[in-house]
Amino acid sequence: MLSGRLLYRISRALATACLACSSVAAGAQDFGDRLPRLDLPEPPSIAAPQQTSPLATAGLGRITLSAQLVASGPEVSRGLIWRVFDTEPGPDGKLRLVASAKGGTQSFDLMPGQYLVHASYGRAGATKRISVGTSAKREDFVLDAGGLTLNAENSGGNHIPDDKLRFSIYEGDEVDGKDRALILPDVKPKSVVRLNAGTYHVVSTYGSVNAVVRSDIKVESGKLTEATVEHHAAELTMKLVREAGGEAIADTSWSVLTGSGDPVRESVGAYATMVLAEGDYTIVAKNRDHIYQRDFTVVAGENQEVEVLADESAPTALEGAD
């Protein structure tokens, strides 16, 4: 019931220009990076580097930093966050932030010495040790990154509303039997997520109950991977009626059980609407002191209204408990 079929394709043309020039408006999805953990403090703010006068730069060395998605690729022109740190931890055990900037290629005037530079691009990033002297120099970073955009459809190619669909992206490999590390939760469909090249475990959730599809998806450097998964589920609206086609009875408590009797979801109200994975279920409605139930089969892609008939001969809650 939780299985699904992955239908994804990797665009054949390099999407370097698309990824490098895309707006920083990836929003909450473009924070952090997927790298070995470094104890790097967050800067209080990110600001463009200040232009300094020749007098102010006396004794300093200029370093220009640029990044590409792939080796020999074009420079990333926007969306980067640069952070320059000392290489030795301070008294608090953290590396001191020396300078920061965001955008594309950036230049910094620094005291000669060794520094640790981190370039982040969405969830992708790279860290490099650099050496600054009195002469101007340049350092290029290869991010080894690509993009991933996710979507889903229901069985038979039926459209799923965006507001009922969410994705979570996890590390691709399990380590020592432990759960995969969550990289990014609550990803909206059709948004572009920037990631380091590699294989990721993606969980697609349709609704909020049990319509879940899991897939392993590979992201390639310099390419935009477009992945569409297929759900096998349907949206049901349940109501308790005194006669077929009648009005829904208010103040009804609902329970949905699997065919084996395991609870799936509970709800209260005249109507109970939910997305369920295909399969057999028992719908239980309790109103006042009576319990009514109906066995029902969810067919993938067939959204429908399900009526439970309030038969007065149904047992009371007390009788049902016996």
C-alpha atoms as a PDB file:
ATOM      1  CA  MET A   1       0.000   0.000   0.000  1.00  0.00           C
ATOM      2  CA  LEU A   2       3.013   2.261   0.484  1.00  0.00           C
ATOM      3  CA  SER A   3       4.776   1.228  -2.692  1.00  0.00           C
ATOM      4  CA  GLY A   4       4.948   3.428  -5.721  1.00  0.00           C
ATOM      5  CA  ARG A   5       6.551   3.709  -9.113  1.00  0.00           C
ATOM      6  CA  LEU A   6       9.255   6.265  -9.731  1.00  0.00           C
ATOM      7  CA  LEU A   7       9.017   8.071 -13.042  1.00  0.00           C
ATOM      8  CA  TYR A   8      11.932  10.410 -13.324  1.00  0.00           C
ATOM      9  CA  ARG A   9      14.112  11.741 -16.025  1.00  0.00           C
ATOM     10  CA  ILE A  10      17.367  13.598 -16.054  1.00  0.00           C
ATOM     11  CA  SER A  11      17.470  16.426 -18.554  1.00  0.00           C
ATOM     12  CA  ARG A  12      20.034  15.644 -21.216  1.00  0.00           C
ATOM     13  CA  ALA A  13      21.185  19.207 -21.699  1.00  0.00           C
ATOM     14  CA  LEU A  14      23.330  20.768 -19.006  1.00  0.00           C
ATOM     15  CA  ALA A  15      21.245  23.002 -16.782  1.00  0.00           C
ATOM     16  CA  THR A  16      24.274  24.865 -15.512  1.00  0.00           C
ATOM     17  CA  ALA A  17      23.065  28.236 -16.753  1.00  0.00           C
ATOM     18  CA  CYS A  18      19.613  27.650 -15.242  1.00  0.00           C
ATOM     19  CA  LEU A  19      20.999  26.678 -11.871  1.00  0.00           C
ATOM     20  CA  ALA A  20      23.722  29.307 -11.779  1.00  0.00           C
ATOM     21  CA  CYS A  21      21.362  32.155 -12.656  1.00  0.00           C
ATOM     22  CA  SER A  22      18.300  31.079 -10.701  1.00  0.00           C
ATOM     23  CA  SER A  23      17.120  33.529  -8.053  1.00  0.00           C
ATOM     24  CA  VAL A  24      17.926  33.166  -4.419  1.00  0.00           C
ATOM     25  CA  ALA A  25      14.142  32.919  -3.986  1.00  0.00           C
ATOM     26  CA  ALA A  26      14.426  29.226  -3.264  1.00  0.00           C
ATOM     27  CA  GLY A  27      13.614  30.579   0.207  1.00  0.00           C
ATOM     28  CA  ALA A  28      13.539  28.267   3.202  1.00  0.00           C
ATOM     29  CA  GLN A  29      14.760  25.389   1.077  1.00  0.00           C
ATOM     30  CA  ASP A  30      18.123  27.000   0.371  1.00  0.00           C
ATOM     31  CA  PHE A  31      19.752  27.072   3.791  1.00  0.00           C
ATOM     32  CA  GLY A  32      22.715  25.102   5.060  1.00  0.00           C
ATOM     33  CA  ASP A  33      24.899  22.686   3.088  1.00  0.00           C
ATOM     34  CA  ARG A  34      25.533  19.027   2.727  1.00  0.00           C
ATOM     35  CA  LEU A  35      29.119  18.672   3.906  1.00  0.00           C
ATOM     36  CA  PRO A  36      31.073  17.045   6.742  1.00  0.00           C
ATOM     37  CA  ARG A  37      30.066  18.892   9.892  1.00  0.00           C
ATOM     38  CA  LEU A  38      32.270  21.888  10.653  1.00  0.00           C
ATOM     39  CA  ASP A  39      31.918  23.965  13.777  1.00  0.00           C
ATOM     40  CA  LEU A  40      31.388  27.149  11.820  1.00  0.00           C
ATOM     41  CA  PRO A  41      29.514  29.979  13.572  1.00  0.00           C
ATOM     42  CA  GLU A  42      26.711  31.704  11.728  1.00  0.00           C
ATOM     43  CA  PRO A  43      27.502  35.315  10.867  1.00  0.00           C
ATOM     44  CA  PRO A  44      25.230  37.916  12.457  1.00  0.00           C
ATOM     45  CA  SER A  45      24.472  39.233   8.970  1.00  0.00           C
ATOM     46  CA  ILE A  46      25.570  38.772   5.386  1.00  0.00           C
ATOM     47  CA  ALA A  47      26.693  41.921   3.616  1.00  0.00           C
ATOM     48  CA  ALA A  48      28.409  42.737   0.381  1.00  0.00           C
ATOM     49  CA  PRO A  49      32.151  43.345   0.797  1.00  0.00           C
ATOM     50  CA  GLN A  50      32.984  47.006   1.339  1.00  0.00           C
ATOM     51  CA  GLN A  51      35.132  48.918  -1.118  1.00  0.00           C
ATOM     52  CA  THR A  52      38.257  50.138   0.670  1.00  0.00           C
ATOM     53  CA  SER A  53      40.669  52.928  -0.107  1.00  0.00           C
ATOM     54  CA  PRO A  54      44.293  52.199  -1.128  1.00  0.00           C
ATOM     55  CA  LEU A  55      45.417  53.465   2.304  1.00  0.00           C
ATOM     56  CA  ALA A  56      43.073  51.042   4.084  1.00  0.00           C
ATOM     57  CA  THR A  57      44.365  48.081   2.061  1.00  0.00           C
ATOM     58  CA  ALA A  58      48.024  48.670   2.870  1.00  0.00           C
ATOM     59  CA  GLY A  59      49.521  45.398   4.064  1.00  0.00           C
ATOM     60  CA  LEU A  60      46.468  43.415   2.947  1.00  0.00           C
ATOM     61  CA  GLY A  61      46.203  40.862   0.163  1.00  0.00           C
ATOM     62  CA  ARG A  62      43.269  40.675  -2.221  1.00  0.00           C
ATOM     63  CA  ILE A  63      41.697  37.281  -2.834  1.00  0.00           C
ATOM     64  CA  THR A  64      38.985  36.763  -5.456  1.00  0.00           C
ATOM     65  CA  LEU A  65      36.665  33.789  -5.001  1.00  0.00           C
ATOM     66  CA  SER A  66      34.519  32.204  -7.695  1.00  0.00           C
ATOM     67  CA  ALA A  67      32.528  28.976  -7.989  1.00  0.00           C
ATOM     68  CA  GLN A  68      31.362  26.636 -10.733  1.00  0.00           C
ATOM     69  CA  LEU A  69      28.856  23.800 -10.579  1.00  0.00           C
ATOM     70  CA  VAL A  70      31.236  21.558 -12.527  1.00  0.00           C
ATOM     71  CA  ALA A  71      34.889  21.824 -13.506  1.00  0.00           C
ATOM     72  CA  SER A  72      35.394  24.142 -16.497  1.00  0.00           C
ATOM     73  CA  GLY A  73      31.780  25.279 -16.223  1.00  0.00           C
ATOM     74  CA  PRO A  74      30.614  28.909 -16.173  1.00  0.00           C
ATOM     75  CA  GLU A  75      30.855  30.863 -12.951  1.00  0.00           C
ATOM     76  CA  VAL A  76      27.833  30.918 -10.659  1.00  0.00           C
ATOM     77  CA  SER A  77      26.664  34.514 -10.883  1.00  0.00           C
ATOM     78  CA  ARG A  78      24.255  34.669  -7.939  1.00  0.00           C
ATOM     79  CA  GLY A  79      22.868  32.694  -5.020  1.00  0.00           C
ATOM     80  CA  LEU A  80      26.220  31.958  -3.357  1.00  0.00           C
ATOM     81  CA  ILE A  81      27.055  32.672   0.266  1.00  0.00           C
ATOM     82  CA  TRP A  82      30.759  33.064   1.034  1.00  0.00           C
ATOM     83  CA  ARG A  83      32.138  32.774   4.561  1.00  0.00           C
ATOM     84  CA  VAL A  84      35.819  33.227   5.420  1.00  0.00           C
ATOM     85  CA  PHE A  85      37.067  31.840   8.753  1.00  0.00           C
ATOM     86  CA  ASP A  86      40.307  31.705  10.687  1.00  0.00           C
ATOM     87  CA  THR A  87      41.851  28.249  10.595  1.00  0.00           C
ATOM     88  CA  GLU A  88      42.415  28.059  14.355  1.00  0.00           C
ATOM     89  CA  PRO A  89      39.552  27.886  16.869  1.00  0.00           C
ATOM     90  CA  GLY A  90      39.138  30.721  19.335  1.00  0.00           C
ATOM     91  CA  PRO A  91      38.787  30.413  23.156  1.00  0.00           C
ATOM     92  CA  ASP A  92      35.189  29.262  22.689  1.00  0.00           C
ATOM     93  CA  GLY A  93      36.311  26.408  20.440  1.00  0.00           C
ATOM     94  CA  LYS A  94      34.731  27.953  17.329  1.00  0.00           C
ATOM     95  CA  LEU A  95      36.328  29.329  14.199  1.00  0.00           C
ATOM     96  CA  ARG A  96      36.171  33.116  14.020  1.00  0.00           C
ATOM     97  CA  LEU A  97      34.273  34.550  11.071  1.00  0.00           C
ATOM     98  CA  VAL A  98      36.580  36.985   9.273  1.00  0.00           C
ATOM     99  CA  ALA A  99      34.427  38.067   6.322  1.00  0.00           C
ATOM    100  CA  SER A 100      31.247  37.140   4.482  1.00  0.00           C
ATOM    101  CA  ALA A 101      29.366  38.090   1.343  1.00  0.00           C
ATOM    102  CA  LYS A 102      26.631  36.817  -0.906  1.00  0.00           C
ATOM    103  CA  GLY A 103      26.141  36.860  -4.651  1.00  0.00           C
ATOM    104  CA  GLY A 104      28.456  35.471  -7.303  1.00  0.00           C
ATOM    105  CA  THR A 105      32.200  36.039  -7.608  1.00  0.00           C
ATOM    106  CA  GLN A 106      33.508  38.139  -4.691  1.00  0.00           C
ATOM    107  CA  SER A 107      36.786  39.765  -3.661  1.00  0.00           C
ATOM    108  CA  PHE A 108      38.097  40.169  -0.114  1.00  0.00           C
ATOM    109  CA  ASP A 109      41.024  42.205   1.278  1.00  0.00           C
ATOM    110  CA  LEU A 110      42.576  40.106   4.059  1.00  0.00           C
ATOM    111  CA  MET A 111      45.701  40.011   6.166  1.00  0.00           C
ATOM    112  CA  PRO A 112      48.238  37.566   4.702  1.00  0.00           C
ATOM    113  CA  GLY A 113      47.830  34.098   6.148  1.00  0.00           C
ATOM    114  CA  GLN A 114      45.785  30.900   6.007  1.00  0.00           C
ATOM    115  CA  TYR A 115      41.988  30.893   5.923  1.00  0.00           C
ATOM    116  CA  LEU A 116      39.151  28.420   5.658  1.00  0.00           C
ATOM    117  CA  VAL A 117      36.552  29.416   3.039  1.00  0.00           C
ATOM    118  CA  HIS A 118      33.113  27.910   2.787  1.00  0.00           C
ATOM    119  CA  ALA A 119      30.917  28.447  -0.301  1.00  0.00           C
ATOM    120  CA  SER A 120      27.270  27.421   0.003  1.00  0.00           C
ATOM    121  CA  TYR A 121      24.783  27.266  -2.844  1.00  0.00           C
ATOM    122  CA  GLY A 122      21.413  26.160  -1.579  1.00  0.00           C
ATOM    123  CA  ARG A 123      21.979  22.759   0.024  1.00  0.00           C
ATOM    124  CA  ALA A 124      25.205  22.304  -1.954  1.00  0.00           C
ATOM    125  CA  GLY A 125      28.568  23.602  -0.840  1.00  0.00           C
ATOM    126  CA  ALA A 126      32.322  23.253  -0.709  1.00  0.00           C
ATOM    127  CA  THR A 127      35.010  24.109   1.835  1.00  0.00           C
ATOM    128  CA  LYS A 128      38.589  24.958   0.942  1.00  0.00           C
ATOM    129  CA  ARG A 129      41.739  26.129   2.730  1.00  0.00           C
ATOM    130  CA  ILE A 130      43.322  29.122   1.025  1.00  0.00           C
ATOM    131  CA  SER A 131      46.521  31.105   1.439  1.00  0.00           C
ATOM    132  CA  VAL A 132      46.517  34.897   1.168  1.00  0.00           C
ATOM    133  CA  GLY A 133      49.712  36.829   0.376  1.00  0.00           C
ATOM    134  CA  THR A 134      50.468  40.443  -0.394  1.00  0.00           C
ATOM    135  CA  SER A 135      49.845  39.907  -4.117  1.00  0.00           C
ATOM    136  CA  ALA A 136      46.348  39.565  -5.544  1.00  0.00           C
ATOM    137  CA  LYS A 137      45.281  36.020  -6.374  1.00  0.00           C
ATOM    138  CA  ARG A 138      42.206  34.025  -7.305  1.00  0.00           C
ATOM    139  CA  GLU A 139      40.687  30.787  -6.008  1.00  0.00           C
ATOM    140  CA  ASP A 140      38.083  28.782  -7.887  1.00  0.00           C
ATOM    141  CA  PHE A 141      35.650  26.398  -6.169  1.00  0.00           C
ATOM    142  CA  VAL A 142      34.038  23.430  -7.905  1.00  0.00           C
ATOM    143  CA  LEU A 143      30.775  22.747  -6.106  1.00  0.00           C
ATOM    144  CA  ASP A 144      30.042  19.413  -7.813  1.00  0.00           C
ATOM    145  CA  ALA A 145      26.345  20.276  -7.602  1.00  0.00           C
ATOM    146  CA  GLY A 146      23.120  19.949  -9.508  1.00  0.00           C
ATOM    147  CA  GLY A 147      19.431  20.679  -9.091  1.00  0.00           C
ATOM    148  CA  LEU A 148      16.436  18.539  -8.201  1.00  0.00           C
ATOM    149  CA  THR A 149      12.792  19.349  -8.826  1.00  0.00           C
ATOM    150  CA  LEU A 150      10.090  17.010  -7.516  1.00  0.00           C
ATOM    151  CA  ASN A 151       6.498  16.362  -8.465  1.00  0.00           C
ATOM    152  CA  ALA A 152       3.911  13.594  -8.168  1.00  0.00           C
ATOM    153  CA  GLU A 153       0.791  12.334  -9.880  1.00  0.00           C
ATOM    154  CA  ASN A 154      -1.915   9.918  -8.870  1.00  0.00           C
ATOM    155  CA  SER A 155      -2.572   6.578 -10.522  1.00  0.00           C
ATOM    156  CA  GLY A 156      -3.541   6.975 -14.170  1.00  0.00           C
ATOM    157  CA  GLY A 157      -1.793  10.338 -14.477  1.00  0.00           C
ATOM    158  CA  ASN A 158      -4.352  12.191 -12.363  1.00  0.00           C
ATOM    159  CA  HIS A 159      -3.253  15.588 -11.067  1.00  0.00           C
ATOM    160  CA  ILE A 160      -2.535  16.034  -7.354  1.00  0.00           C
ATOM    161  CA  PRO A 161      -3.150  19.555  -5.982  1.00  0.00           C
ATOM    162  CA  ASP A 162       0.107  21.168  -4.870  1.00  0.00           C
ATOM    163  CA  ASP A 163      -1.278  22.018  -1.428  1.00  0.00           C
ATOM    164  CA  LYS A 164      -1.848  18.313  -0.682  1.00  0.00           C
ATOM    165  CA  LEU A 165       1.659  17.242  -1.684  1.00  0.00           C
ATOM    166  CA  ARG A 166       4.965  17.493   0.163  1.00  0.00           C
ATOM    167  CA  PHE A 167       8.415  15.929  -0.114  1.00  0.00           C
ATOM    168  CA  SER A 168      11.222  15.197   2.324  1.00  0.00           C
ATOM    169  CA  ILE A 169      14.804  14.638   1.156  1.00  0.00           C
ATOM    170  CA  TYR A 170      17.105  12.300   3.094  1.00  0.00           C
ATOM    171  CA  GLU A 171      20.673  11.052   2.791  1.00  0.00           C
ATOM    172  CA  GLY A 172      20.808   8.234   0.270  1.00  0.00           C
ATOM    173  CA  ASP A 173      22.623   5.666   2.408  1.00  0.00           C
ATOM    174  CA  GLU A 174      21.888   4.186   5.793  1.00  0.00           C
ATOM    175  CA  VAL A 175      24.906   4.158   8.114  1.00  0.00           C
ATOM    176  CA  ASP A 176      25.349   1.250  10.554  1.00  0.00           C
ATOM    177  CA  GLY A 177      21.645   0.467  10.442  1.00  0.00           C
ATOM    178  CA  LYS A 178      20.697   3.971  11.615  1.00  0.00           C
ATOM    179  CA  ASP A 179      17.889   5.984  10.073  1.00  0.00           C
ATOM    180  CA  ARG A 180      18.823   8.155   7.139  1.00  0.00           C
ATOM    181  CA  ALA A 181      19.648  11.742   8.044  1.00  0.00           C
ATOM    182  CA  LEU A 182      16.992  14.264   7.027  1.00  0.00           C
ATOM    183  CA  ILE A 183      18.428  16.915   4.698  1.00  0.00           C
ATOM    184  CA  LEU A 184      15.377  18.995   3.857  1.00  0.00           C
ATOM    185  CA  PRO A 185      11.736  18.575   4.993  1.00  0.00           C
ATOM    186  CA  ASP A 186       8.510  19.998   3.583  1.00  0.00           C
ATOM    187  CA  VAL A 187       9.745  20.598   0.030  1.00  0.00           C
ATOM    188  CA  LYS A 188       7.057  22.054  -2.213  1.00  0.00           C
ATOM    189  CA  PRO A 189       6.388  20.388  -5.588  1.00  0.00           C
ATOM    190  CA  LYS A 190       8.096  21.801  -8.688  1.00  0.00           C
ATOM    191  CA  SER A 191      10.566  23.909  -6.688  1.00  0.00           C
ATOM    192  CA  VAL A 192      14.283  23.599  -7.500  1.00  0.00           C
ATOM    193  CA  VAL A 193      16.521  22.325  -4.699  1.00  0.00           C
ATOM    194  CA  ARG A 194      20.298  22.718  -5.121  1.00  0.00           C
ATOM    195  CA  LEU A 195      22.219  19.685  -3.906  1.00  0.00           C
ATOM    196  CA  ASN A 196      25.668  18.157  -4.114  1.00  0.00           C
ATOM    197  CA  ALA A 197      25.865  15.362  -6.670  1.00  0.00           C
ATOM    198  CA  GLY A 198      24.825  11.997  -5.256  1.00  0.00           C
ATOM    199  CA  THR A 199      21.893   9.693  -4.554  1.00  0.00           C
ATOM    200  CA  TYR A 200      19.112  10.848  -2.239  1.00  0.00           C
ATOM    201  CA  HIS A 201      16.159   9.110  -0.604  1.00  0.00           C
ATOM    202  CA  VAL A 202      12.962  11.052  -1.298  1.00  0.00           C
ATOM    203  CA  VAL A 203       9.680  10.562   0.572  1.00  0.00           C
ATOM    204  CA  SER A 204       6.532  11.896  -1.103  1.00  0.00           C
ATOM    205  CA  THR A 205       3.421  12.365   1.038  1.00  0.00           C
ATOM    206  CA  TYR A 206      -0.018  12.892  -0.501  1.00  0.00           C
ATOM    207  CA  GLY A 207      -2.415  14.194   2.134  1.00  0.00           C
ATOM    208  CA  SER A 208      -1.572  13.552   5.778  1.00  0.00           C
ATOM    209  CA  VAL A 209      -2.505   9.934   6.454  1.00  0.00           C
ATOM    210  CA  ASN A 210      -0.849   6.961   4.746  1.00  0.00           C
ATOM    211  CA  ALA A 211      -0.388   7.790   1.054  1.00  0.00           C
ATOM    212  CA  VAL A 212       3.425   7.692   1.008  1.00  0.00           C
ATOM    213  CA  VAL A 213       5.877   6.839  -1.773  1.00  0.00           C
ATOM    214  CA  ARG A 214       9.630   6.361  -1.263  1.00  0.00           C
ATOM    215  CA  SER A 215      12.193   6.631  -4.045  1.00  0.00           C
ATOM    216  CA  ASP A 216      15.964   6.836  -4.503  1.00  0.00           C
ATOM    217  CA  ILE A 217      16.913   9.616  -6.915  1.00  0.00           C
ATOM    218  CA  LYS A 218      20.316  10.477  -8.354  1.00  0.00           C
ATOM    219  CA  VAL A 219      21.435  14.094  -8.760  1.00  0.00           C
ATOM    220  CA  GLU A 220      24.190  14.743 -11.310  1.00  0.00           C
ATOM    221  CA  SER A 221      26.633  17.646 -11.389  1.00  0.00           C
ATOM    222  CA  GLY A 222      25.588  20.499 -13.638  1.00  0.00           C
ATOM    223  CA  LYS A 223      22.228  18.935 -14.468  1.00  0.00           C
ATOM    224  CA  LEU A 224      18.662  19.523 -13.395  1.00  0.00           C
ATOM    225  CA  THR A 225      17.001  16.250 -12.402  1.00  0.00           C
ATOM    226  CA  GLU A 226      13.229  16.281 -12.759  1.00  0.00           C
ATOM    227  CA  ALA A 227      11.569  13.468 -10.794  1.00  0.00           C
ATOM    228  CA  THR A 228       7.874  12.547 -10.777  1.00  0.00           C
ATOM    229  CA  VAL A 229       6.581   9.815  -8.487  1.00  0.00           C
ATOM    230  CA  GLU A 230       3.261   8.002  -8.777  1.00  0.00           C
ATOM    231  CA  HIS A 231       0.858   7.607  -5.877  1.00  0.00           C
ATOM    232  CA  HIS A 232      -1.859   4.966  -5.622  1.00  0.00           C
ATOM    233  CA  ALA A 233      -4.429   6.698  -3.460  1.00  0.00           C
ATOM    234  CA  ALA A 234      -7.766   8.519  -3.458  1.00  0.00           C
ATOM    235  CA  GLU A 235      -9.454  11.314  -1.527  1.00  0.00           C
ATOM    236  CA  LEU A 236     -12.592  10.286   0.339  1.00  0.00           C
ATOM    237  CA  THR A 237     -15.285  12.333   2.023  1.00  0.00           C
ATOM    238  CA  MET A 238     -17.323  10.318   4.541  1.00  0.00           C
ATOM    239  CA  LYS A 239     -20.680  11.257   6.012  1.00  0.00           C
ATOM    240  CA  LEU A 240     -23.250   9.580   8.221  1.00  0.00           C
ATOM    241  CA  VAL A 241     -26.778   9.713   6.762  1.00  0.00           C
ATOM    242  CA  ARG A 242     -30.206   8.416   7.756  1.00  0.00           C
ATOM    243  CA  GLU A 243     -30.995   7.537   4.151  1.00  0.00           C
ATOM    244  CA  ALA A 244     -29.071   7.309   0.901  1.00  0.00           C
ATOM    245  CA  GLY A 245     -28.302  10.787  -0.399  1.00  0.00           C
ATOM    246  CA  GLY A 246     -29.434  12.378   2.850  1.00  0.00           C
ATOM    247  CA  GLU A 247     -27.898  15.198   4.832  1.00  0.00           C
ATOM    248  CA  ALA A 248     -24.784  14.535   6.916  1.00  0.00           C
ATOM    249  CA  ILE A 249     -25.424  14.051  10.630  1.00  0.00           C
ATOM    250  CA  ALA A 250     -23.448  16.466  12.794  1.00  0.00           C
ATOM    251  CA  ASP A 251     -21.344  15.611  15.845  1.00  0.00           C
ATOM    252  CA  THR A 252     -20.126  12.304  14.453  1.00  0.00           C
ATOM    253  CA  SER A 253     -16.888  10.689  15.572  1.00  0.00           C
ATOM    254  CA  TRP A 254     -15.020   8.832  12.829  1.00  0.00           C
ATOM    255  CA  SER A 255     -12.453   6.049  12.928  1.00  0.00           C
ATOM    256  CA  VAL A 256     -10.828   4.456   9.909  1.00  0.00           C
ATOM    257  CA  LEU A 257      -9.235   1.024  10.278  1.00  0.00           C
ATOM    258  CA  THR A 258      -7.205  -1.091   7.884  1.00  0.00           C
ATOM    259  CA  GLY A 259      -8.545  -4.434   6.746  1.00  0.00           C
ATOM    260  CA  SER A 260      -6.528  -6.057   9.543  1.00  0.00           C
ATOM    261  CA  GLY A 261      -8.042  -3.730  12.162  1.00  0.00           C
ATOM    262  CA  ASP A 262      -5.147  -1.299  12.651  1.00  0.00           C
ATOM    263  CA  PRO A 263      -6.245   2.317  13.276  1.00  0.00           C
ATOM    264  CA  VAL A 264      -5.427   4.754  10.473  1.00  0.00           C
ATOM    265  CA  ARG A 265      -7.111   8.048  11.327  1.00  0.00           C
ATOM    266  CA  GLU A 266      -9.731   9.537  13.650  1.00  0.00           C
ATOM    267  CA  SER A 267     -11.836  12.619  13.058  1.00  0.00           C
ATOM    268  CA  VAL A 268     -14.880  14.445  14.420  1.00  0.00           C
ATOM    269  CA  GLY A 269     -17.523  16.296  12.427  1.00  0.00           C
ATOM    270  CA  ALA A 270     -20.395  15.907  10.009  1.00  0.00           C
ATOM    271  CA  TYR A 271     -17.881  15.183   7.244  1.00  0.00           C
ATOM    272  CA  ALA A 272     -14.533  13.419   7.380  1.00  0.00           C
ATOM    273  CA  THR A 273     -12.271  14.074   4.396  1.00  0.00           C
ATOM    274  CA  MET A 274      -8.907  12.366   3.986  1.00  0.00           C
ATOM    275  CA  VAL A 275      -6.528  10.870   1.429  1.00  0.00           C
ATOM    276  CA  LEU A 276      -6.013   7.114   1.813  1.00  0.00           C
ATOM    277  CA  ALA A 277      -3.701   4.710   0.028  1.00  0.00           C
ATOM    278  CA  GLU A 278      -5.495   2.104  -2.045  1.00  0.00           C
ATOM    279  CA  GLY A 279      -6.722  -0.930  -0.119  1.00  0.00           C
ATOM    280  CA  ASP A 280      -9.488  -2.271   2.109  1.00  0.00           C
ATOM    281  CA  TYR A 281     -10.726  -0.305   5.131  1.00  0.00           C
ATOM    282  CA  THR A 282     -13.458  -0.339   7.764  1.00  0.00           C
ATOM    283  CA  ILE A 283     -15.162   2.974   8.441  1.00  0.00           C
ATOM    284  CA  VAL A 284     -16.618   3.358  11.936  1.00  0.00           C
ATOM    285  CA  ALA A 285     -18.998   6.228  12.756  1.00  0.00           C
ATOM    286  CA  LYS A 286     -20.187   6.944  16.298  1.00  0.00           C
ATOM    287  CA  ASN A 287     -23.088   9.308  16.864  1.00  0.00           C
ATOM    288  CA  ARG A 288     -24.619   9.780  20.278  1.00  0.00           C
ATOM    289  CA  ASP A 289     -24.759   6.261  21.730  1.00  0.00           C
ATOM    290  CA  HIS A 290     -24.801   4.290  18.477  1.00  0.00           C
ATOM    291  CA  ILE A 291     -21.962   2.839  16.417  1.00  0.00           C
ATOM    292  CA  TYR A 292     -22.262   2.370  12.665  1.00  0.00           C
ATOM    293  CA  GLN A 293     -19.699   0.871  10.339  1.00  0.00           C
ATOM    294  CA  ARG A 294     -19.058   0.054   6.720  1.00  0.00           C
ATOM    295  CA  ASP A 295     -16.358  -1.869   4.894  1.00  0.00           C
ATOM    296  CA  PHE A 296     -14.945   0.028   1.951  1.00  0.00           C
ATOM    297  CA  THR A 297     -12.287  -0.416  -0.724  1.00  0.00           C
ATOM    298  CA  VAL A 298     -10.210   2.566  -1.836  1.00  0.00           C
ATOM    299  CA  VAL A 299      -9.454   2.462  -5.563  1.00  0.00           C
ATOM    300  CA  ALA A 300      -6.443   4.494  -6.673  1.00  0.00           C
ATOM    301  CA  GLY A 301      -7.406   7.665  -8.506  1.00  0.00           C
ATOM    302  CA  GLU A 302     -11.131   7.411  -7.730  1.00  0.00           C
ATOM    303  CA  ASN A 303     -12.005  10.272  -5.384  1.00  0.00           C
ATOM    304  CA  GLN A 304     -15.515   9.871  -4.013  1.00  0.00           C
ATOM    305  CA  GLU A 305     -18.052  10.482  -1.272  1.00  0.00           C
ATOM    306  CA  VAL A 306     -18.799   7.540   1.008  1.00  0.00           C
ATOM    307  CA  GLU A 307     -22.045   7.327   2.918  1.00  0.00           C
ATOM    308  CA  VAL A 308     -22.468   5.335   6.125  1.00  0.00           C
ATOM    309  CA  LEU A 309     -26.118   4.529   6.786  1.00  0.00           C
ATOM    310  CA  ALA A 310     -27.365   5.241  10.320  1.00  0.00           C
ATOM    311  CA  ASP A 311     -29.276   2.016  10.833  1.00  0.00           C
ATOM    312  CA  GLU A 312     -31.286   2.273  14.049  1.00  0.00           C
ATOM    313  CA  SER A 313     -30.662  -1.418  14.670  1.00  0.00           C
ATOM    314  CA  ALA A 314     -26.944  -0.693  15.039  1.00  0.00           C
ATOM    315  CA  PRO A 315     -25.499  -1.507  18.473  1.00  0.00           C
ATOM    316  CA  THR A 316     -25.020   1.185  21.100  1.00  0.00           C
ATOM    317  CA  ALA A 317     -21.554   2.115  22.252  1.00  0.00           C
ATOM    318  CA  LEU A 318     -22.050   0.038  25.403  1.00  0.00           C
ATOM    319  CA  GLU A 319     -23.203  -2.989  23.433  1.00  0.00           C
ATOM    320  CA  GLY A 320     -20.286  -2.573  21.057  1.00  0.00           C
ATOM    321  CA  ALA A 321     -17.898  -2.632  23.990  1.00  0.00           C
ATOM    322  CA  ASP A 322     -19.367  -5.935  25.126  1.00  0.00           C
END
